Amino acid sequence: MTTEKNVQTVKDFFAAIGRGDKEGLLALVAEDIEWIIPGEDWPLAGTHRGRAGVADAFQRASEEVPFSYTEPPEYVAEGDRVLVIGFARGKIKATNKAFEDHFVFAITVRDGKLTHIREYIDTQALAQAAKIDASGPA
């Protein structure tokens, strides 16, 4: 596939996330996808493998970590690699604490499907938002 088609596939993936379209999102990922979300002490951290792992992460995000993009992401691509640079705001539901996250997603696209995603995010901001204070949730 061309670089332009790979970028469009990634744009379609982010659009599916934005509109809460689980089926649309899953149609764009490879059976053996690996999605690495770094960090500890926040609900989505970990390595999510296969469509079932992506479906689980998507479900958990919608239930536990609602967010929105505050500006259109920027896409930088070469060959089968697409970098997505953006900014999001959200809230950890369990603590009712807000977060702001500057992010970069490094995505590999092969044969029209996302095969690998590695997020580079503000793990400290997300962990702080997920932290329950001694007095309990906010």
Protein backbone atom coordinates (compact mmCIF):
# COMPACT_ATOMS: atom_id res chain seq x y z
CA MET A 1 0.00 0.00 0.00
CA THR A 2 1.06 3.58 -0.49
CA THR A 3 2.03 5.88 2.33
CA GLU A 4 -1.10 7.95 1.64
CA LYS A 5 -3.34 4.88 1.99
CA ASN A 6 -1.59 3.93 5.24
CA VAL A 7 -2.23 7.42 6.63
CA GLN A 8 -5.89 7.18 5.60
CA THR A 9 -6.20 3.81 7.36
CA VAL A 10 -4.81 5.35 10.55
CA LYS A 11 -7.11 8.37 10.20
CA ASP A 12 -10.04 5.97 9.84
CA PHE A 13 -8.88 4.16 12.99
CA PHE A 14 -8.80 7.39 15.01
CA ALA A 15 -12.17 8.44 13.59
CA ALA A 16 -13.65 5.10 14.74
CA ILE A 17 -12.24 5.69 18.23
CA GLY A 18 -13.66 9.22 18.26
CA ARG A 19 -17.18 8.12 17.37
CA GLY A 20 -17.12 5.05 19.64
CA ASP A 21 -17.34 2.62 16.70
CA LYS A 22 -15.92 -0.64 18.06
CA GLU A 23 -16.76 -2.67 14.93
CA GLY A 24 -15.22 -0.05 12.66
CA LEU A 25 -12.09 0.03 14.79
CA LEU A 26 -11.75 -3.77 14.84
CA ALA A 27 -12.17 -3.95 11.06
CA LEU A 28 -8.98 -1.89 10.71
CA VAL A 29 -6.69 -4.02 12.90
CA ALA A 30 -4.86 -7.23 12.04
CA GLU A 31 -5.76 -10.47 13.78
CA ASP A 32 -2.34 -10.51 15.49
CA ILE A 33 -2.08 -6.80 16.36
CA GLU A 34 -0.01 -5.76 19.35
CA TRP A 35 -0.92 -2.48 21.09
CA ILE A 36 1.49 -1.31 23.79
CA ILE A 37 0.21 1.32 26.21
CA PRO A 38 3.01 2.17 28.66
CA GLY A 39 2.82 2.88 32.33
CA GLU A 40 1.47 1.47 35.54
CA ASP A 41 -1.27 2.37 37.94
CA TRP A 42 -3.85 3.43 35.38
CA PRO A 43 -6.59 1.35 33.73
CA LEU A 44 -5.32 0.97 30.14
CA ALA A 45 -1.61 0.34 30.76
CA GLY A 46 -0.25 -2.89 29.34
CA THR A 47 0.20 -4.84 26.13
CA HIS A 48 -3.01 -5.71 24.32
CA ARG A 49 -2.73 -8.53 21.77
CA GLY A 50 -5.06 -9.59 19.01
CA ARG A 51 -8.48 -8.22 18.16
CA ALA A 52 -9.83 -9.47 21.50
CA GLY A 53 -7.18 -7.46 23.35
CA VAL A 54 -7.97 -4.34 21.32
CA ALA A 55 -11.71 -4.84 21.90
CA ASP A 56 -11.09 -5.15 25.65
CA ALA A 57 -8.92 -2.00 25.74
CA PHE A 58 -11.53 -0.08 23.73
CA GLN A 59 -14.31 -1.20 26.07
CA ARG A 60 -12.31 -0.32 29.17
CA ALA A 61 -11.43 3.08 27.73
CA SER A 62 -15.06 3.91 27.05
CA GLU A 63 -16.13 2.78 30.53
CA GLU A 64 -13.19 3.93 32.66
CA VAL A 65 -11.25 6.64 30.83
CA PRO A 66 -13.47 8.81 28.62
CA PHE A 67 -11.45 11.35 26.62
CA SER A 68 -11.62 13.60 23.62
CA TYR A 69 -9.09 15.05 21.22
CA THR A 70 -8.90 18.78 21.67
CA GLU A 71 -7.35 19.40 18.26
CA PRO A 72 -6.95 17.33 15.11
CA PRO A 73 -3.98 15.00 15.36
CA GLU A 74 -1.00 15.47 13.08
CA TYR A 75 0.08 12.54 10.89
CA VAL A 76 3.67 11.94 9.80
CA ALA A 77 4.37 8.92 7.62
CA GLU A 78 7.00 7.03 5.73
CA GLY A 79 6.28 3.68 4.13
CA ASP A 80 4.33 1.44 6.49
CA ARG A 81 4.99 3.64 9.57
CA VAL A 82 2.59 6.39 10.63
CA LEU A 83 3.18 8.65 13.61
CA VAL A 84 0.16 10.37 15.12
CA ILE A 85 0.88 13.44 17.24
CA GLY A 86 -1.91 14.91 19.32
CA PHE A 87 -3.39 16.16 22.54
CA ALA A 88 -6.31 14.75 24.51
CA ARG A 89 -8.23 15.57 27.65
CA GLY A 90 -10.17 13.12 29.74
CA LYS A 91 -11.13 11.88 33.15
CA ILE A 92 -10.53 8.70 35.10
CA LYS A 93 -14.05 7.73 36.19
CA ALA A 94 -12.98 5.86 39.33
CA THR A 95 -11.37 8.99 40.79
CA ASN A 96 -13.27 11.68 38.89
CA LYS A 97 -9.87 13.30 38.19
CA ALA A 98 -9.12 15.00 34.89
CA PHE A 99 -5.95 14.56 32.85
CA GLU A 100 -4.28 16.20 29.89
CA ASP A 101 -2.16 14.05 27.60
CA HIS A 102 0.23 15.00 24.82
CA PHE A 103 0.75 11.80 22.83
CA VAL A 104 2.52 10.16 19.93
CA PHE A 105 1.31 6.87 18.50
CA ALA A 106 3.82 4.93 16.39
CA ILE A 107 1.72 2.68 14.15
CA THR A 108 2.68 0.06 11.59
CA VAL A 109 0.21 -0.63 8.76
CA ARG A 110 0.50 -3.66 6.50
CA ASP A 111 -1.96 -4.70 3.81
CA GLY A 112 -4.48 -2.11 5.00
CA LYS A 113 -4.49 -3.25 8.65
CA LEU A 114 -2.84 -1.87 11.77
CA THR A 115 -0.36 -4.50 12.98
CA HIS A 116 1.48 -2.70 15.77
CA ILE A 117 0.77 0.34 17.94
CA ARG A 118 3.13 1.82 20.49
CA GLU A 119 1.84 4.80 22.45
CA TYR A 120 4.12 7.47 23.87
CA ILE A 121 2.00 9.29 26.43
CA ASP A 122 2.18 11.23 29.66
CA THR A 123 2.08 8.18 31.92
CA GLN A 124 2.64 10.28 35.04
CA ALA A 125 -0.41 12.48 34.36
CA LEU A 126 -2.55 9.39 33.77
CA ALA A 127 -1.26 7.58 36.87
CA GLN A 128 -1.84 10.70 38.99
CA ALA A 129 -5.40 10.99 37.69
CA ALA A 130 -6.00 7.31 38.49
CA LYS A 131 -4.58 7.60 42.02
CA ILE A 132 -7.16 7.46 44.75
CA ASP A 133 -6.42 9.95 47.51
CA ALA A 134 -6.35 8.80 51.11
CA SER A 135 -9.73 10.46 51.55
CA GLY A 136 -11.20 8.47 48.63
CA PRO A 137 -12.32 9.46 45.12
CA ALA A 138 -12.72 13.17 44.36
